C-alpha atoms as a PDB file:
ATOM      1  CA  MET A   1     105.307 125.062 115.671  1.00  0.00           C
ATOM      2  CA  SER A   2     105.285 125.235 111.882  1.00  0.00           C
ATOM      3  CA  ILE A   3     102.090 125.791 109.906  1.00  0.00           C
ATOM      4  CA  GLY A   4     100.120 122.576 109.453  1.00  0.00           C
ATOM      5  CA  ARG A   5      98.968 122.197 105.859  1.00  0.00           C
ATOM      6  CA  ILE A   6      95.635 120.340 105.854  1.00  0.00           C
ATOM      7  CA  LEU A   7      93.959 118.397 103.038  1.00  0.00           C
ATOM      8  CA  ILE A   8      90.328 117.381 103.675  1.00  0.00           C
ATOM      9  CA  ALA A   9      89.240 114.188 101.871  1.00  0.00           C
ATOM     10  CA  ASP A  10      85.504 113.555 102.246  1.00  0.00           C
ATOM     11  CA  ASP A  11      82.753 113.184  99.662  1.00  0.00           C
ATOM     12  CA  HIS A  12      80.205 115.167 101.715  1.00  0.00           C
ATOM     13  CA  ALA A  13      80.333 118.945 101.301  1.00  0.00           C
ATOM     14  CA  MET A  14      78.726 119.556 104.689  1.00  0.00           C
ATOM     15  CA  ILE A  15      81.456 117.573 106.435  1.00  0.00           C
ATOM     16  CA  ARG A  16      84.181 119.522 104.642  1.00  0.00           C
ATOM     17  CA  GLU A  17      82.488 122.807 105.537  1.00  0.00           C
ATOM     18  CA  GLY A  18      82.129 121.687 109.150  1.00  0.00           C
ATOM     19  CA  ILE A  19      85.828 120.855 109.381  1.00  0.00           C
ATOM     20  CA  ARG A  20      86.696 124.263 107.945  1.00  0.00           C
ATOM     21  CA  ALA A  21      84.549 125.885 110.631  1.00  0.00           C
ATOM     22  CA  ILE A  22      86.205 123.868 113.409  1.00  0.00           C
ATOM     23  CA  LEU A  23      89.709 124.794 112.213  1.00  0.00           C
ATOM     24  CA  ALA A  24      88.944 128.436 111.436  1.00  0.00           C
ATOM     25  CA  ASP A  25      90.325 129.747 114.734  1.00  0.00           C
ATOM     26  CA  GLU A  26      93.523 127.702 114.630  1.00  0.00           C
ATOM     27  CA  GLN A  27      96.111 130.186 113.400  1.00  0.00           C
ATOM     28  CA  ASP A  28      98.803 127.585 112.815  1.00  0.00           C
ATOM     29  CA  LEU A  29      96.615 125.373 110.597  1.00  0.00           C
ATOM     30  CA  GLU A  30      95.945 126.093 106.919  1.00  0.00           C
ATOM     31  CA  ILE A  31      93.514 124.151 104.723  1.00  0.00           C
ATOM     32  CA  VAL A  32      95.310 123.879 101.389  1.00  0.00           C
ATOM     33  CA  GLY A  33      92.860 121.674  99.493  1.00  0.00           C
ATOM     34  CA  GLU A  34      89.972 119.233  99.411  1.00  0.00           C
ATOM     35  CA  ALA A  35      89.184 115.904  97.760  1.00  0.00           C
ATOM     36  CA  VAL A  36      85.838 114.214  97.136  1.00  0.00           C
ATOM     37  CA  ASN A  37      87.101 110.696  96.334  1.00  0.00           C
ATOM     38  CA  GLY A  38      90.134 108.475  96.730  1.00  0.00           C
ATOM     39  CA  HIS A  39      91.626 109.379  93.362  1.00  0.00           C
ATOM     40  CA  GLU A  40      91.459 113.076  94.189  1.00  0.00           C
ATOM     41  CA  ALA A  41      92.973 112.474  97.622  1.00  0.00           C
ATOM     42  CA  ILE A  42      96.021 110.868  96.018  1.00  0.00           C
ATOM     43  CA  HIS A  43      96.260 113.449  93.228  1.00  0.00           C
ATOM     44  CA  ASN A  44      95.788 116.446  95.522  1.00  0.00           C
ATOM     45  CA  THR A  45      98.377 115.149  97.953  1.00  0.00           C
ATOM     46  CA  ASN A  46     100.865 115.288  95.106  1.00  0.00           C
ATOM     47  CA  LEU A  47      99.552 118.700  94.043  1.00  0.00           C
ATOM     48  CA  PHE A  48      99.218 120.553  97.369  1.00  0.00           C
ATOM     49  CA  GLN A  49     101.856 118.755  99.465  1.00  0.00           C
ATOM     50  CA  PRO A  50      99.867 118.763 102.727  1.00  0.00           C
ATOM     51  CA  SER A  51     101.482 117.776 106.006  1.00  0.00           C
ATOM     52  CA  ILE A  52      98.222 116.341 107.374  1.00  0.00           C
ATOM     53  CA  ILE A  53      95.289 114.653 105.623  1.00  0.00           C
ATOM     54  CA  LEU A  54      91.842 114.228 107.163  1.00  0.00           C
ATOM     55  CA  MET A  55      90.554 111.098 105.438  1.00  0.00           C
ATOM     56  CA  ASP A  56      87.069 109.590 105.277  1.00  0.00           C
ATOM     57  CA  LEU A  57      86.888 105.843 104.599  1.00  0.00           C
ATOM     58  CA  ASN A  58      83.728 105.612 102.479  1.00  0.00           C
ATOM     59  CA  MET A  59      84.614 107.447  99.287  1.00  0.00           C
ATOM     60  CA  PRO A  60      83.988 106.733  95.594  1.00  0.00           C
ATOM     61  CA  HIS A  61      86.461 105.197  93.138  1.00  0.00           C
ATOM     62  CA  ILE A  62      89.158 104.314  95.691  1.00  0.00           C
ATOM     63  CA  ASN A  63      88.160 103.853  99.313  1.00  0.00           C
ATOM     64  CA  GLY A  64      89.958 105.656 102.109  1.00  0.00           C
ATOM     65  CA  THR A  65      92.044 102.685 103.221  1.00  0.00           C
ATOM     66  CA  GLU A  66      93.450 102.114  99.739  1.00  0.00           C
ATOM     67  CA  ALA A  67      94.092 105.849  99.371  1.00  0.00           C
ATOM     68  CA  ILE A  68      96.020 105.782 102.644  1.00  0.00           C
ATOM     69  CA  ARG A  69      98.205 102.949 101.393  1.00  0.00           C
ATOM     70  CA  ALA A  70      98.909 104.729  98.096  1.00  0.00           C
ATOM     71  CA  ILE A  71      99.678 108.051  99.781  1.00  0.00           C
ATOM     72  CA  LYS A  72     101.927 106.527 102.426  1.00  0.00           C
ATOM     73  CA  ARG A  73     103.941 104.713  99.759  1.00  0.00           C
ATOM     74  CA  ARG A  74     104.642 108.008  97.976  1.00  0.00           C
ATOM     75  CA  HIS A  75     104.638 110.391 100.941  1.00  0.00           C
ATOM     76  CA  PRO A  76     105.594 108.461 104.088  1.00  0.00           C
ATOM     77  CA  LYS A  77     106.024 111.642 106.152  1.00  0.00           C
ATOM     78  CA  VAL A  78     102.457 112.850 105.564  1.00  0.00           C
ATOM     79  CA  LYS A  79     100.294 112.341 108.640  1.00  0.00           C
ATOM     80  CA  ILE A  80      96.853 110.843 107.993  1.00  0.00           C
ATOM     81  CA  ILE A  81      93.931 111.184 110.384  1.00  0.00           C
ATOM     82  CA  VAL A  82      90.976 108.922 109.641  1.00  0.00           C
ATOM     83  CA  LEU A  83      87.670 110.685 110.268  1.00  0.00           C
ATOM     84  CA  THR A  84      84.800 108.206 109.980  1.00  0.00           C
ATOM     85  CA  VAL A  85      81.515 106.846 111.316  1.00  0.00           C
ATOM     86  CA  HIS A  86      82.878 103.293 111.585  1.00  0.00           C
ATOM     87  CA  LYS A  87      83.459 102.059 115.140  1.00  0.00           C
ATOM     88  CA  ALA A  88      84.046  98.361 114.412  1.00  0.00           C
ATOM     89  CA  GLU A  89      87.479  97.007 115.345  1.00  0.00           C
ATOM     90  CA  GLU A  90      87.910  95.591 111.840  1.00  0.00           C
ATOM     91  CA  PHE A  91      87.852  99.073 110.310  1.00  0.00           C
ATOM     92  CA  VAL A  92      90.214 100.530 112.903  1.00  0.00           C
ATOM     93  CA  ARG A  93      92.662  97.680 112.456  1.00  0.00           C
ATOM     94  CA  SER A  94      92.671  97.774 108.670  1.00  0.00           C
ATOM     95  CA  THR A  95      93.280 101.543 108.515  1.00  0.00           C
ATOM     96  CA  LEU A  96      96.055 101.438 111.105  1.00  0.00           C
ATOM     97  CA  ASP A  97      97.647  98.588 109.184  1.00  0.00           C
ATOM     98  CA  ALA A  98      97.424 100.740 106.046  1.00  0.00           C
ATOM     99  CA  GLY A  99      99.434 103.483 107.755  1.00  0.00           C
ATOM    100  CA  ALA A 100      96.930 105.866 109.363  1.00  0.00           C
ATOM    101  CA  ASP A 101      98.374 107.942 112.220  1.00  0.00           C
ATOM    102  CA  ALA A 102      95.103 108.706 114.008  1.00  0.00           C
ATOM    103  CA  TYR A 103      91.523 107.435 114.044  1.00  0.00           C
ATOM    104  CA  ILE A 104      88.595 109.549 115.238  1.00  0.00           C
ATOM    105  CA  LEU A 105      84.851 109.339 114.849  1.00  0.00           C
ATOM    106  CA  LYS A 106      82.571 111.871 113.227  1.00  0.00           C
ATOM    107  CA  ASP A 107      80.407 111.643 116.335  1.00  0.00           C
ATOM    108  CA  ASP A 108      83.127 113.306 118.397  1.00  0.00           C
ATOM    109  CA  THR A 109      84.806 115.508 115.778  1.00  0.00           C
ATOM    110  CA  ARG A 110      84.666 118.762 117.723  1.00  0.00           C
ATOM    111  CA  LEU A 111      86.076 117.145 120.859  1.00  0.00           C
ATOM    112  CA  GLU A 112      88.759 115.045 119.227  1.00  0.00           C
ATOM    113  CA  LEU A 113      89.837 116.678 115.967  1.00  0.00           C
ATOM    114  CA  ILE A 114      92.171 119.350 117.346  1.00  0.00           C
ATOM    115  CA  PRO A 115      93.878 116.988 119.838  1.00  0.00           C
ATOM    116  CA  ALA A 116      94.330 114.432 117.052  1.00  0.00           C
ATOM    117  CA  ILE A 117      95.978 117.039 114.837  1.00  0.00           C
ATOM    118  CA  ARG A 118      98.270 118.180 117.663  1.00  0.00           C
ATOM    119  CA  HIS A 119      99.295 114.615 118.423  1.00  0.00           C
ATOM    120  CA  VAL A 120     100.225 113.750 114.840  1.00  0.00           C
ATOM    121  CA  GLN A 121     102.050 117.081 114.443  1.00  0.00           C
ATOM    122  CA  ASN A 122     104.236 116.010 117.356  1.00  0.00           C
ATOM    123  CA  GLY A 123     104.893 112.595 115.884  1.00  0.00           C
ATOM    124  CA  ARG A 124     102.435 110.678 118.053  1.00  0.00           C
ATOM    125  CA  SER A 125      99.430 108.559 117.155  1.00  0.00           C
ATOM    126  CA  TYR A 126      95.907 109.244 118.387  1.00  0.00           C
ATOM    127  CA  LEU A 127      92.753 107.175 118.787  1.00  0.00           C
ATOM    128  CA  SER A 128      89.298 108.337 119.736  1.00  0.00           C
ATOM    129  CA  PRO A 129      88.563 107.216 123.315  1.00  0.00           C
ATOM    130  CA  CYS A 130      85.531 105.373 121.918  1.00  0.00           C
ATOM    131  CA  VAL A 131      87.738 102.949 120.010  1.00  0.00           C
ATOM    132  CA  SER A 132      91.111 102.956 121.821  1.00  0.00           C
ATOM    133  CA  SER A 133      90.398 100.240 124.409  1.00  0.00           C
ATOM    134  CA  MET A 134      88.782  98.067 121.759  1.00  0.00           C
ATOM    135  CA  VAL A 135      91.836  98.338 119.521  1.00  0.00           C
ATOM    136  CA  VAL A 136      94.266  97.445 122.305  1.00  0.00           C
ATOM    137  CA  THR A 137      92.223  94.350 123.111  1.00  0.00           C
ATOM    138  CA  GLY A 138      91.973  93.424 119.435  1.00  0.00           C
ATOM    139  CA  TYR A 139      95.701  93.765 118.771  1.00  0.00           C
ATOM    140  CA  LEU A 140      96.613  91.743 121.836  1.00  0.00           C
ATOM    141  CA  GLY A 141      94.235  89.046 120.620  1.00  0.00           C
ATOM    142  CA  ARG A 142      95.945  88.872 117.237  1.00  0.00           C
ATOM    143  CA  ASN A 143      98.912  87.168 118.898  1.00  0.00           C
ATOM    144  CA  ASP A 144      96.683  84.145 119.447  1.00  0.00           C
ATOM    145  CA  SER A 145      97.340  81.766 116.538  1.00  0.00           C
ATOM    146  CA  SER A 146      93.803  80.458 116.857  1.00  0.00           C
ATOM    147  CA  THR A 147      92.523  83.786 115.484  1.00  0.00           C
ATOM    148  CA  GLN A 148      94.516  83.562 112.254  1.00  0.00           C
ATOM    149  CA  GLN A 149      92.233  83.960 109.261  1.00  0.00           C
ATOM    150  CA  ALA A 150      92.361  81.647 106.281  1.00  0.00           C
ATOM    151  CA  SER A 151      93.673  82.948 102.995  1.00  0.00           C
ATOM    152  CA  TRP A 152      91.128  84.336 100.559  1.00  0.00           C
ATOM    153  CA  GLU A 153      92.648  81.956  98.008  1.00  0.00           C
ATOM    154  CA  VAL A 154      90.427  79.217  99.450  1.00  0.00           C
ATOM    155  CA  LEU A 155      87.422  81.030  97.957  1.00  0.00           C
ATOM    156  CA  THR A 156      85.980  80.177  94.572  1.00  0.00           C
ATOM    157  CA  THR A 157      85.815  82.859  91.883  1.00  0.00           C
ATOM    158  CA  ARG A 158      82.100  83.346  92.519  1.00  0.00           C
ATOM    159  CA  GLU A 159      82.623  83.593  96.278  1.00  0.00           C
ATOM    160  CA  ARG A 160      85.207  86.307  95.703  1.00  0.00           C
ATOM    161  CA  GLU A 161      82.764  88.181  93.486  1.00  0.00           C
ATOM    162  CA  VAL A 162      80.081  87.967  96.161  1.00  0.00           C
ATOM    163  CA  MET A 163      82.538  89.069  98.857  1.00  0.00           C
ATOM    164  CA  LYS A 164      83.555  92.141  96.864  1.00  0.00           C
ATOM    165  CA  LEU A 165      79.948  93.168  96.308  1.00  0.00           C
ATOM    166  CA  VAL A 166      79.024  92.637  99.957  1.00  0.00           C
ATOM    167  CA  ALA A 167      82.033  94.741 100.967  1.00  0.00           C
ATOM    168  CA  GLU A 168      80.891  97.485  98.601  1.00  0.00           C
ATOM    169  CA  GLY A 169      77.528  97.625 100.372  1.00  0.00           C
ATOM    170  CA  PHE A 170      75.288  95.646  98.007  1.00  0.00           C
ATOM    171  CA  LYS A 171      72.405  93.649  99.460  1.00  0.00           C
ATOM    172  CA  ASN A 172      71.896  89.982  98.575  1.00  0.00           C
ATOM    173  CA  LYS A 173      69.058  90.725  96.152  1.00  0.00           C
ATOM    174  CA  GLN A 174      71.154  93.359  94.357  1.00  0.00           C
ATOM    175  CA  ILE A 175      74.078  90.949  94.151  1.00  0.00           C
ATOM    176  CA  GLY A 176      71.859  88.301  92.610  1.00  0.00           C
ATOM    177  CA  SER A 177      70.640  90.745  89.979  1.00  0.00           C
ATOM    178  CA  TYR A 178      74.156  91.979  89.228  1.00  0.00           C
ATOM    179  CA  LEU A 179      75.609  88.469  88.880  1.00  0.00           C
ATOM    180  CA  SER A 180      72.473  86.986  87.261  1.00  0.00           C
ATOM    181  CA  ILE A 181      72.097  84.326  89.944  1.00  0.00           C
ATOM    182  CA  SER A 182      69.252  83.531  92.331  1.00  0.00           C
ATOM    183  CA  LEU A 183      68.914  85.018  95.806  1.00  0.00           C
ATOM    184  CA  LYS A 184      69.281  81.551  97.303  1.00  0.00           C
ATOM    185  CA  THR A 185      72.549  81.043  95.413  1.00  0.00           C
ATOM    186  CA  VAL A 186      73.878  84.372  96.674  1.00  0.00           C
ATOM    187  CA  GLU A 187      72.993  83.393 100.241  1.00  0.00           C
ATOM    188  CA  LYS A 188      74.780  80.055  99.786  1.00  0.00           C
ATOM    189  CA  HIS A 189      77.954  81.673  98.438  1.00  0.00           C
ATOM    190  CA  ARG A 190      77.872  84.250 101.227  1.00  0.00           C
ATOM    191  CA  SER A 191      77.445  81.590 103.894  1.00  0.00           C
ATOM    192  CA  ASN A 192      80.266  79.496 102.404  1.00  0.00           C
ATOM    193  CA  LEU A 193      82.777  82.332 102.217  1.00  0.00           C
ATOM    194  CA  MET A 194      81.997  83.433 105.786  1.00  0.00           C
ATOM    195  CA  LYS A 195      82.563  79.889 107.060  1.00  0.00           C
ATOM    196  CA  LYS A 196      85.803  79.481 105.104  1.00  0.00           C
ATOM    197  CA  LEU A 197      87.243  82.764 106.380  1.00  0.00           C
ATOM    198  CA  ASP A 198      85.674  82.677 109.854  1.00  0.00           C
ATOM    199  CA  LEU A 199      83.844  85.964 109.306  1.00  0.00           C
ATOM    200  CA  HIS A 200      80.653  86.760 111.159  1.00  0.00           C
ATOM    201  CA  SER A 201      79.248  90.034 109.841  1.00  0.00           C
ATOM    202  CA  ALA A 202      79.081  92.308 106.796  1.00  0.00           C
ATOM    203  CA  SER A 203      81.530  94.709 108.469  1.00  0.00           C
ATOM    204  CA  ALA A 204      83.993  91.860 108.969  1.00  0.00           C
ATOM    205  CA  ILE A 205      83.646  90.940 105.282  1.00  0.00           C
ATOM    206  CA  THR A 206      84.316  94.572 104.345  1.00  0.00           C
ATOM    207  CA  ALA A 207      87.390  94.814 106.564  1.00  0.00           C
ATOM    208  CA  TYR A 208      88.766  91.518 105.209  1.00  0.00           C
ATOM    209  CA  ALA A 209      88.223  92.652 101.620  1.00  0.00           C
ATOM    210  CA  MET A 210      89.988  95.944 102.368  1.00  0.00           C
ATOM    211  CA  ASP A 211      92.914  94.139 104.041  1.00  0.00           C
ATOM    212  CA  ASN A 212      93.380  91.953 100.961  1.00  0.00           C
ATOM    213  CA  ASN A 213      93.023  94.729  98.358  1.00  0.00           C
ATOM    214  CA  LEU A 214      89.834  93.208  96.966  1.00  0.00           C
ATOM    215  CA  LEU A 215      88.130  96.595  96.597  1.00  0.00           C
ATOM    216  CA  VAL A 216      90.657  98.130  94.239  1.00  0.00           C
ATOM    217  CA  ASN A 217      88.897  99.155  91.008  1.00  0.00           C
END
């Protein structure tokens, strides 16, 4: 097996150091670079030419899902393993749709990281056991036309602004301050957009925004 060239993309130094420690004994794996945000992940992929990228989703500037899309467009042969805390089906689906080859959780890094790397090296996909059954069920359910989501074009400009801020992790009070509108108005816009798009949680809003490129800066 050829040497696997690894790029670690995570904005937490302790996570990057932990991954280095886990991979230290793997003689056929070489860490060629790191990235602390989405921009760096894209740039350093061009610079270091890794064969495998370990990608966090919550990163500054460009989130992990958008970085995956950009990298896969330019380097379709690069294998990307998502390494994240997010267990919700919406996050798994959106990253797989973006082109990720594997999805594992930070909770089970030591147990799942090496197998995930070996799978993608051999041209196979890999999902953490914690999310695999959920994803299969979710993808089968997508064939049901009743689950089709409405287009974000039905939203007003203000509703789109609120959606983007919710997806970026802002609370209602912070959104009101940022947009110079009342808390009650924020709550109304949030309720309206969730009804229009049939979304039922903040994580679902985030996944929808990611799917529709609403988080691109």
